[in-house]
Structures are given as structure tokens and as C-alpha cells.
């Protein structure tokens, strides 16, 4: 949500983006900001739970 209360510092963000221009193999997607990292971590935990709970029926369609 864009409520202008995000924890990120736009100046620091700009510095990091510029710094990435010199990286030999930068990531395709870079999660800038602690809030973004936390959201991705939560999504991965949720996905891991889905896989754990539904692995058998999901994989049961293989030849």
C-alpha cells in the first residue's frame, strides 16, 4: 500500500541501484527494502507449507 509511510530511504535506494550498475552478474530481481524482504520470506514460507501439505496429490499426475 502506498501511504507514504514506507520504511525505505529513497536516497539510499538510489545509491544501491547505481551501485548495481557495476555488478558483474546482478540478480534479475533485487528485493530492496526490509519490508520487501520480509514479504518475500513470508510468501516462501507459505509456499513451502502448501508444498508440504499437498506434495502427494500434486505429484500424483506424473507418468
C-alpha atoms as a PDB file:
ATOM      1  CA  UNK A   1       0.000   0.000   0.000  1.00  0.00           C
ATOM      2  CA  UNK A   2       1.323   3.434  -0.841  1.00  0.00           C
ATOM      3  CA  UNK A   3       0.611   5.518   2.235  1.00  0.00           C
ATOM      4  CA  UNK A   4       3.894   7.459   2.233  1.00  0.00           C
ATOM      5  CA  UNK A   5       4.925   5.708   5.457  1.00  0.00           C
ATOM      6  CA  UNK A   6       7.199   3.118   3.862  1.00  0.00           C
ATOM      7  CA  UNK A   7      10.423   2.454   5.770  1.00  0.00           C
ATOM      8  CA  UNK A   8      12.710   2.945   2.759  1.00  0.00           C
ATOM      9  CA  UNK A   9      15.054   5.861   2.231  1.00  0.00           C
ATOM     10  CA  UNK A  10      14.805   6.976  -1.429  1.00  0.00           C
ATOM     11  CA  UNK A  11      18.362   8.337  -1.409  1.00  0.00           C
ATOM     12  CA  UNK A  12      19.801   5.059  -0.118  1.00  0.00           C
ATOM     13  CA  UNK A  13      17.739   3.169  -2.673  1.00  0.00           C
ATOM     14  CA  UNK A  14      19.111   5.316  -5.496  1.00  0.00           C
ATOM     15  CA  UNK A  15      22.670   4.722  -4.273  1.00  0.00           C
ATOM     16  CA  UNK A  16      22.135   0.954  -4.258  1.00  0.00           C
ATOM     17  CA  UNK A  17      20.629   0.976  -7.753  1.00  0.00           C
ATOM     18  CA  UNK A  18      23.588   2.941  -9.103  1.00  0.00           C
ATOM     19  CA  UNK A  19      25.992   0.568  -7.335  1.00  0.00           C
ATOM     20  CA  UNK A  20      24.356  -2.372  -9.130  1.00  0.00           C
ATOM     21  CA  UNK A  21      25.403  -0.930 -12.481  1.00  0.00           C
ATOM     22  CA  UNK A  22      28.941  -2.187 -11.730  1.00  0.00           C
ATOM     23  CA  UNK A  23      27.976  -5.703 -10.601  1.00  0.00           C
ATOM     24  CA  UNK A  24      29.108  -8.423 -12.994  1.00  0.00           C
ATOM     25  CA  UNK A  25      26.063 -10.678 -12.585  1.00  0.00           C
ATOM     26  CA  UNK A  26      23.310  -8.777 -10.776  1.00  0.00           C
ATOM     27  CA  UNK A  27      20.155 -10.607  -9.741  1.00  0.00           C
ATOM     28  CA  UNK A  28      17.233 -10.428 -12.159  1.00  0.00           C
ATOM     29  CA  UNK A  29      15.028  -9.155  -9.345  1.00  0.00           C
ATOM     30  CA  UNK A  30      16.504  -7.381  -6.355  1.00  0.00           C
ATOM     31  CA  UNK A  31      14.249  -7.040  -3.306  1.00  0.00           C
ATOM     32  CA  UNK A  32      15.201  -3.630  -1.961  1.00  0.00           C
ATOM     33  CA  UNK A  33      13.893  -2.762   1.492  1.00  0.00           C
ATOM     34  CA  UNK A  34      13.428  -4.741   4.673  1.00  0.00           C
ATOM     35  CA  UNK A  35       9.662  -4.730   4.117  1.00  0.00           C
ATOM     36  CA  UNK A  36      10.102  -6.319   0.696  1.00  0.00           C
ATOM     37  CA  UNK A  37      12.482  -8.965   2.039  1.00  0.00           C
ATOM     38  CA  UNK A  38      10.020  -9.792   4.838  1.00  0.00           C
ATOM     39  CA  UNK A  39       7.130 -10.091   2.373  1.00  0.00           C
ATOM     40  CA  UNK A  40       9.116 -12.446   0.134  1.00  0.00           C
ATOM     41  CA  UNK A  41      10.185 -14.560   3.114  1.00  0.00           C
ATOM     42  CA  UNK A  42       6.558 -14.839   4.268  1.00  0.00           C
ATOM     43  CA  UNK A  43       5.469 -15.863   0.762  1.00  0.00           C
ATOM     44  CA  UNK A  44       8.173 -18.535   0.589  1.00  0.00           C
ATOM     45  CA  UNK A  45       7.103 -19.946   3.962  1.00  0.00           C
ATOM     46  CA  UNK A  46       3.503 -20.049   2.780  1.00  0.00           C
ATOM     47  CA  UNK A  47       4.511 -21.769  -0.464  1.00  0.00           C
ATOM     48  CA  UNK A  48       6.634 -24.297   1.457  1.00  0.00           C
ATOM     49  CA  UNK A  49       3.612 -25.138   3.629  1.00  0.00           C
ATOM     50  CA  UNK A  50       1.425 -25.647   0.563  1.00  0.00           C
ATOM     51  CA  UNK A  51       4.011 -27.966  -0.977  1.00  0.00           C
ATOM     52  CA  UNK A  52       4.405 -29.911   2.263  1.00  0.00           C
ATOM     53  CA  UNK A  53       0.658 -30.366   2.649  1.00  0.00           C
ATOM     54  CA  UNK A  54      -0.145 -31.115  -0.985  1.00  0.00           C
ATOM     55  CA  UNK A  55       3.005 -32.813  -2.344  1.00  0.00           C
ATOM     56  CA  UNK A  56       1.383 -36.232  -2.902  1.00  0.00           C
ATOM     57  CA  UNK A  57      -1.672 -35.130  -4.884  1.00  0.00           C
ATOM     58  CA  UNK A  58       0.386 -32.561  -6.780  1.00  0.00           C
ATOM     59  CA  UNK A  59       2.952 -35.129  -7.852  1.00  0.00           C
ATOM     60  CA  UNK A  60       0.406 -37.885  -8.484  1.00  0.00           C
ATOM     61  CA  UNK A  61      -0.237 -36.676 -12.031  1.00  0.00           C
ATOM     62  CA  UNK A  62       3.229 -37.692 -13.281  1.00  0.00           C
ATOM     63  CA  UNK A  63       3.653 -40.602 -15.717  1.00  0.00           C
END
